[in-house]
Amino acid sequence: MLPRLGEKFDVPFEVITKPRHEYQSLAYADLGLPKAPAIMIGSEVIVEGRDIEEQELAKILSRRLAGK
């Protein structure tokens, strides 16, 4: 989903994956990052701890890019 949306909206994206136990560690919690799975745009957390439909994320990206 992210590669398609990145191409469609011409925005860079980064996917970070770690083993589940790393996301559940105290060290990860200390970073202040959202629970996985998560999507952030800049420093704003769009969704965390659940999946999001591609259409919903596309709407959010459209609104964010229109506001630039």
PDB file of N, CA and C in Angstrom:
ATOM      1  N   MET A   1       0.822  -1.184   0.000  1.00  0.00           N
ATOM      2  CA  MET A   1       0.000   0.000   0.000  1.00  0.00           C
ATOM      3  C   MET A   1       0.869   1.252   0.000  1.00  0.00           C
ATOM      4  N   LEU A   2       1.868   1.343   0.874  1.00  0.00           N
ATOM      5  CA  LEU A   2       2.667   2.564   0.953  1.00  0.00           C
ATOM      6  C   LEU A   2       3.438   2.869  -0.326  1.00  0.00           C
ATOM      7  N   PRO A   3       4.054   1.887  -0.970  1.00  0.00           N
ATOM      8  CA  PRO A   3       4.722   2.226  -2.232  1.00  0.00           C
ATOM      9  C   PRO A   3       3.765   2.805  -3.268  1.00  0.00           C
ATOM     10  N   ARG A   4       2.568   2.258  -3.380  1.00  0.00           N
ATOM     11  CA  ARG A   4       1.577   2.780  -4.336  1.00  0.00           C
ATOM     12  C   ARG A   4       1.200   4.217  -3.997  1.00  0.00           C
ATOM     13  N   LEU A   5       0.922   4.467  -2.726  1.00  0.00           N
ATOM     14  CA  LEU A   5       0.529   5.815  -2.328  1.00  0.00           C
ATOM     15  C   LEU A   5       1.698   6.786  -2.451  1.00  0.00           C
ATOM     16  N   GLY A   6       2.904   6.329  -2.166  1.00  0.00           N
ATOM     17  CA  GLY A   6       4.081   7.179  -2.334  1.00  0.00           C
ATOM     18  C   GLY A   6       4.246   7.613  -3.774  1.00  0.00           C
ATOM     19  N   GLU A   7       4.034   6.689  -4.699  1.00  0.00           N
ATOM     20  CA  GLU A   7       4.121   7.018  -6.124  1.00  0.00           C
ATOM     21  C   GLU A   7       2.961   7.925  -6.544  1.00  0.00           C
ATOM     22  N   LYS A   8       1.765   7.604  -6.099  1.00  0.00           N
ATOM     23  CA  LYS A   8       0.579   8.370  -6.483  1.00  0.00           C
ATOM     24  C   LYS A   8       0.689   9.828  -6.041  1.00  0.00           C
ATOM     25  N   PHE A   9       1.165  10.049  -4.810  1.00  0.00           N
ATOM     26  CA  PHE A   9       1.229  11.405  -4.262  1.00  0.00           C
ATOM     27  C   PHE A   9       2.626  12.016  -4.360  1.00  0.00           C
ATOM     28  N   ASP A  10       3.565  11.283  -4.930  1.00  0.00           N
ATOM     29  CA  ASP A  10       4.938  11.744  -5.094  1.00  0.00           C
ATOM     30  C   ASP A  10       5.532  12.214  -3.766  1.00  0.00           C
ATOM     31  N   VAL A  11       5.432  11.350  -2.756  1.00  0.00           N
ATOM     32  CA  VAL A  11       6.002  11.641  -1.442  1.00  0.00           C
ATOM     33  C   VAL A  11       6.925  10.498  -1.027  1.00  0.00           C
ATOM     34  N   PRO A  12       8.032  10.826  -0.368  1.00  0.00           N
ATOM     35  CA  PRO A  12       8.919   9.778   0.120  1.00  0.00           C
ATOM     36  C   PRO A  12       8.298   9.112   1.353  1.00  0.00           C
ATOM     37  N   PHE A  13       8.636   7.867   1.579  1.00  0.00           N
ATOM     38  CA  PHE A  13       8.154   7.166   2.762  1.00  0.00           C
ATOM     39  C   PHE A  13       9.256   6.244   3.252  1.00  0.00           C
ATOM     40  N   GLU A  14       9.175   5.893   4.512  1.00  0.00           N
ATOM     41  CA  GLU A  14      10.149   4.991   5.117  1.00  0.00           C
ATOM     42  C   GLU A  14       9.383   3.937   5.901  1.00  0.00           C
ATOM     43  N   VAL A  15       9.717   2.693   5.686  1.00  0.00           N
ATOM     44  CA  VAL A  15       9.110   1.593   6.417  1.00  0.00           C
ATOM     45  C   VAL A  15      10.147   1.063   7.398  1.00  0.00           C
ATOM     46  N   ILE A  16       9.766   0.988   8.664  1.00  0.00           N
ATOM     47  CA  ILE A  16      10.656   0.470   9.695  1.00  0.00           C
ATOM     48  C   ILE A  16      10.001  -0.779  10.265  1.00  0.00           C
ATOM     49  N   THR A  17      10.721  -1.876  10.222  1.00  0.00           N
ATOM     50  CA  THR A  17      10.197  -3.117  10.786  1.00  0.00           C
ATOM     51  C   THR A  17      11.197  -3.663  11.794  1.00  0.00           C
ATOM     52  N   LYS A  18      10.659  -4.206  12.847  1.00  0.00           N
ATOM     53  CA  LYS A  18      11.453  -4.825  13.903  1.00  0.00           C
ATOM     54  C   LYS A  18      10.710  -6.075  14.361  1.00  0.00           C
ATOM     55  N   PRO A  19      11.407  -6.977  15.010  1.00  0.00           N
ATOM     56  CA  PRO A  19      10.706  -8.125  15.595  1.00  0.00           C
ATOM     57  C   PRO A  19       9.724  -7.632  16.675  1.00  0.00           C
ATOM     58  N   ARG A  20       8.628  -8.342  16.826  1.00  0.00           N
ATOM     59  CA  ARG A  20       7.575  -7.954  17.776  1.00  0.00           C
ATOM     60  C   ARG A  20       8.127  -7.672  19.172  1.00  0.00           C
ATOM     61  N   HIS A  21       9.060  -8.484  19.648  1.00  0.00           N
ATOM     62  CA  HIS A  21       9.571  -8.291  21.015  1.00  0.00           C
ATOM     63  C   HIS A  21      10.279  -6.947  21.179  1.00  0.00           C
ATOM     64  N   GLU A  22      10.863  -6.401  20.108  1.00  0.00           N
ATOM     65  CA  GLU A  22      11.502  -5.090  20.203  1.00  0.00           C
ATOM     66  C   GLU A  22      10.458  -3.986  20.375  1.00  0.00           C
ATOM     67  N   TYR A  23       9.332  -4.102  19.675  1.00  0.00           N
ATOM     68  CA  TYR A  23       8.269  -3.110  19.814  1.00  0.00           C
ATOM     69  C   TYR A  23       7.639  -3.167  21.211  1.00  0.00           C
ATOM     70  N   GLN A  24       7.722  -4.313  21.860  1.00  0.00           N
ATOM     71  CA  GLN A  24       7.118  -4.484  23.170  1.00  0.00           C
ATOM     72  C   GLN A  24       8.101  -4.205  24.311  1.00  0.00           C
ATOM     73  N   SER A  25       9.318  -3.826  23.980  1.00  0.00           N
ATOM     74  CA  SER A  25      10.342  -3.613  25.007  1.00  0.00           C
ATOM     75  C   SER A  25      10.205  -2.247  25.680  1.00  0.00           C
ATOM     76  N   LEU A  26      10.779  -2.135  26.881  1.00  0.00           N
ATOM     77  CA  LEU A  26      10.798  -0.861  27.593  1.00  0.00           C
ATOM     78  C   LEU A  26      11.642   0.167  26.842  1.00  0.00           C
ATOM     79  N   ALA A  27      12.708  -0.289  26.200  1.00  0.00           N
ATOM     80  CA  ALA A  27      13.573   0.619  25.448  1.00  0.00           C
ATOM     81  C   ALA A  27      12.787   1.291  24.324  1.00  0.00           C
ATOM     82  N   TYR A  28      11.933   0.536  23.637  1.00  0.00           N
ATOM     83  CA  TYR A  28      11.112   1.116  22.571  1.00  0.00           C
ATOM     84  C   TYR A  28      10.109   2.102  23.160  1.00  0.00           C
ATOM     85  N   ALA A  29       9.486   1.737  24.268  1.00  0.00           N
ATOM     86  CA  ALA A  29       8.514   2.628  24.909  1.00  0.00           C
ATOM     87  C   ALA A  29       9.174   3.945  25.310  1.00  0.00           C
ATOM     88  N   ASP A  30      10.419   3.899  25.736  1.00  0.00           N
ATOM     89  CA  ASP A  30      11.149   5.102  26.134  1.00  0.00           C
ATOM     90  C   ASP A  30      11.399   6.049  24.960  1.00  0.00           C
ATOM     91  N   LEU A  31      11.341   5.545  23.731  1.00  0.00           N
ATOM     92  CA  LEU A  31      11.561   6.394  22.563  1.00  0.00           C
ATOM     93  C   LEU A  31      10.385   7.336  22.305  1.00  0.00           C
ATOM     94  N   GLY A  32       9.226   7.010  22.855  1.00  0.00           N
ATOM     95  CA  GLY A  32       8.048   7.845  22.651  1.00  0.00           C
ATOM     96  C   GLY A  32       7.407   7.674  21.287  1.00  0.00           C
ATOM     97  N   LEU A  33       7.748   6.600  20.599  1.00  0.00           N
ATOM     98  CA  LEU A  33       7.166   6.321  19.290  1.00  0.00           C
ATOM     99  C   LEU A  33       5.854   5.570  19.455  1.00  0.00           C
ATOM    100  N   PRO A  34       4.992   5.600  18.434  1.00  0.00           N
ATOM    101  CA  PRO A  34       3.692   4.938  18.544  1.00  0.00           C
ATOM    102  C   PRO A  34       3.812   3.418  18.541  1.00  0.00           C
ATOM    103  N   LYS A  35       2.743   2.778  19.032  1.00  0.00           N
ATOM    104  CA  LYS A  35       2.670   1.315  19.008  1.00  0.00           C
ATOM    105  C   LYS A  35       2.554   0.840  17.569  1.00  0.00           C
ATOM    106  N   ALA A  36       3.201  -0.258  17.267  1.00  0.00           N
ATOM    107  CA  ALA A  36       3.140  -0.826  15.917  1.00  0.00           C
ATOM    108  C   ALA A  36       1.869  -1.657  15.775  1.00  0.00           C
ATOM    109  N   PRO A  37       1.273  -1.743  14.616  1.00  0.00           N
ATOM    110  CA  PRO A  37       1.618  -1.000  13.416  1.00  0.00           C
ATOM    111  C   PRO A  37       1.183   0.453  13.550  1.00  0.00           C
ATOM    112  N   ALA A  38       1.920   1.334  12.913  1.00  0.00           N
ATOM    113  CA  ALA A  38       1.607   2.761  12.992  1.00  0.00           C
ATOM    114  C   ALA A  38       2.013   3.452  11.702  1.00  0.00           C
ATOM    115  N   ILE A  39       1.366   4.567  11.444  1.00  0.00           N
ATOM    116  CA  ILE A  39       1.729   5.425  10.325  1.00  0.00           C
ATOM    117  C   ILE A  39       1.832   6.836  10.869  1.00  0.00           C
ATOM    118  N   MET A  40       2.963   7.466  10.575  1.00  0.00           N
ATOM    119  CA  MET A  40       3.186   8.847  10.978  1.00  0.00           C
ATOM    120  C   MET A  40       3.424   9.687   9.736  1.00  0.00           C
ATOM    121  N   ILE A  41       2.948  10.915   9.762  1.00  0.00           N
ATOM    122  CA  ILE A  41       3.276  11.889   8.734  1.00  0.00           C
ATOM    123  C   ILE A  41       3.986  13.009   9.475  1.00  0.00           C
ATOM    124  N   GLY A  42       5.278  13.131   9.219  1.00  0.00           N
ATOM    125  CA  GLY A  42       6.084  14.048  10.014  1.00  0.00           C
ATOM    126  C   GLY A  42       6.096  13.543  11.442  1.00  0.00           C
ATOM    127  N   SER A  43       5.741  14.381  12.382  1.00  0.00           N
ATOM    128  CA  SER A  43       5.698  13.959  13.781  1.00  0.00           C
ATOM    129  C   SER A  43       4.283  13.614  14.240  1.00  0.00           C
ATOM    130  N   GLU A  44       3.311  13.706  13.331  1.00  0.00           N
ATOM    131  CA  GLU A  44       1.920  13.405  13.673  1.00  0.00           C
ATOM    132  C   GLU A  44       1.618  11.922  13.468  1.00  0.00           C
ATOM    133  N   VAL A  45       1.067  11.295  14.495  1.00  0.00           N
ATOM    134  CA  VAL A  45       0.656   9.896  14.409  1.00  0.00           C
ATOM    135  C   VAL A  45      -0.722   9.850  13.762  1.00  0.00           C
ATOM    136  N   ILE A  46      -0.818   9.202  12.619  1.00  0.00           N
ATOM    137  CA  ILE A  46      -2.083   9.076  11.901  1.00  0.00           C
ATOM    138  C   ILE A  46      -2.886   7.902  12.442  1.00  0.00           C
ATOM    139  N   VAL A  47      -2.215   6.797  12.664  1.00  0.00           N
ATOM    140  CA  VAL A  47      -2.865   5.601  13.211  1.00  0.00           C
ATOM    141  C   VAL A  47      -1.806   4.799  13.954  1.00  0.00           C
ATOM    142  N   GLU A  48      -2.194   4.194  15.075  1.00  0.00           N
ATOM    143  CA  GLU A  48      -1.265   3.320  15.788  1.00  0.00           C
ATOM    144  C   GLU A  48      -2.005   2.151  16.411  1.00  0.00           C
ATOM    145  N   GLY A  49      -1.329   1.025  16.415  1.00  0.00           N
ATOM    146  CA  GLY A  49      -1.886  -0.168  17.037  1.00  0.00           C
ATOM    147  C   GLY A  49      -2.991  -0.849  16.253  1.00  0.00           C
ATOM    148  N   ARG A  50      -3.216  -0.415  15.022  1.00  0.00           N
ATOM    149  CA  ARG A  50      -4.241  -1.047  14.181  1.00  0.00           C
ATOM    150  C   ARG A  50      -3.901  -0.767  12.721  1.00  0.00           C
ATOM    151  N   ASP A  51      -4.594  -1.443  11.841  1.00  0.00           N
ATOM    152  CA  ASP A  51      -4.421  -1.216  10.412  1.00  0.00           C
ATOM    153  C   ASP A  51      -5.320  -0.060   9.975  1.00  0.00           C
ATOM    154  N   ILE A  52      -5.070   0.439   8.772  1.00  0.00           N
ATOM    155  CA  ILE A  52      -5.878   1.504   8.198  1.00  0.00           C
ATOM    156  C   ILE A  52      -6.169   1.127   6.749  1.00  0.00           C
ATOM    157  N   GLU A  53      -7.359   1.458   6.296  1.00  0.00           N
ATOM    158  CA  GLU A  53      -7.724   1.180   4.904  1.00  0.00           C
ATOM    159  C   GLU A  53      -6.957   2.118   3.978  1.00  0.00           C
ATOM    160  N   GLU A  54      -6.577   1.622   2.817  1.00  0.00           N
ATOM    161  CA  GLU A  54      -5.827   2.424   1.861  1.00  0.00           C
ATOM    162  C   GLU A  54      -6.588   3.688   1.463  1.00  0.00           C
ATOM    163  N   GLN A  55      -7.893   3.580   1.272  1.00  0.00           N
ATOM    164  CA  GLN A  55      -8.690   4.735   0.870  1.00  0.00           C
ATOM    165  C   GLN A  55      -8.667   5.819   1.959  1.00  0.00           C
ATOM    166  N   GLU A  56      -8.739   5.412   3.209  1.00  0.00           N
ATOM    167  CA  GLU A  56      -8.707   6.369   4.319  1.00  0.00           C
ATOM    168  C   GLU A  56      -7.363   7.094   4.367  1.00  0.00           C
ATOM    169  N   LEU A  57      -6.279   6.351   4.200  1.00  0.00           N
ATOM    170  CA  LEU A  57      -4.951   6.961   4.204  1.00  0.00           C
ATOM    171  C   LEU A  57      -4.777   7.880   3.001  1.00  0.00           C
ATOM    172  N   ALA A  58      -5.307   7.502   1.849  1.00  0.00           N
ATOM    173  CA  ALA A  58      -5.228   8.343   0.662  1.00  0.00           C
ATOM    174  C   ALA A  58      -5.952   9.669   0.896  1.00  0.00           C
ATOM    175  N   LYS A  59      -7.100   9.644   1.561  1.00  0.00           N
ATOM    176  CA  LYS A  59      -7.828  10.876   1.870  1.00  0.00           C
ATOM    177  C   LYS A  59      -7.009  11.775   2.791  1.00  0.00           C
ATOM    178  N   ILE A  60      -6.382  11.173   3.790  1.00  0.00           N
ATOM    179  CA  ILE A  60      -5.558  11.943   4.725  1.00  0.00           C
ATOM    180  C   ILE A  60      -4.385  12.582   3.994  1.00  0.00           C
ATOM    181  N   LEU A  61      -3.722  11.815   3.134  1.00  0.00           N
ATOM    182  CA  LEU A  61      -2.601  12.356   2.367  1.00  0.00           C
ATOM    183  C   LEU A  61      -3.055  13.491   1.452  1.00  0.00           C
ATOM    184  N   SER A  62      -4.198  13.326   0.810  1.00  0.00           N
ATOM    185  CA  SER A  62      -4.718  14.376  -0.070  1.00  0.00           C
ATOM    186  C   SER A  62      -4.955  15.670   0.702  1.00  0.00           C
ATOM    187  N   ARG A  63      -5.595  15.549   1.862  1.00  0.00           N
ATOM    188  CA  ARG A  63      -5.862  16.738   2.675  1.00  0.00           C
ATOM    189  C   ARG A  63      -4.556  17.400   3.139  1.00  0.00           C
ATOM    190  N   ARG A  64      -3.598  16.580   3.563  1.00  0.00           N
ATOM    191  CA  ARG A  64      -2.323  17.130   4.051  1.00  0.00           C
ATOM    192  C   ARG A  64      -1.571  17.843   2.935  1.00  0.00           C
ATOM    193  N   LEU A  65      -1.541  17.246   1.756  1.00  0.00           N
ATOM    194  CA  LEU A  65      -0.812  17.845   0.644  1.00  0.00           C
ATOM    195  C   LEU A  65      -1.514  19.095   0.109  1.00  0.00           C
ATOM    196  N   ALA A  66      -2.827  19.123   0.185  1.00  0.00           N
ATOM    197  CA  ALA A  66      -3.576  20.305  -0.263  1.00  0.00           C
ATOM    198  C   ALA A  66      -3.328  21.488   0.668  1.00  0.00           C
ATOM    199  N   GLY A  67      -3.013  21.192   1.925  1.00  0.00           N
ATOM    200  CA  GLY A  67      -2.775  22.244   2.900  1.00  0.00           C
ATOM    201  C   GLY A  67      -1.382  22.841   2.827  1.00  0.00           C
ATOM    202  N   LYS A  68      -0.506  22.286   1.994  1.00  0.00           N
ATOM    203  CA  LYS A  68       0.861  22.811   1.876  1.00  0.00           C
ATOM    204  C   LYS A  68       0.896  24.084   1.097  1.00  0.00           C
TER     205      LYS A  68
END
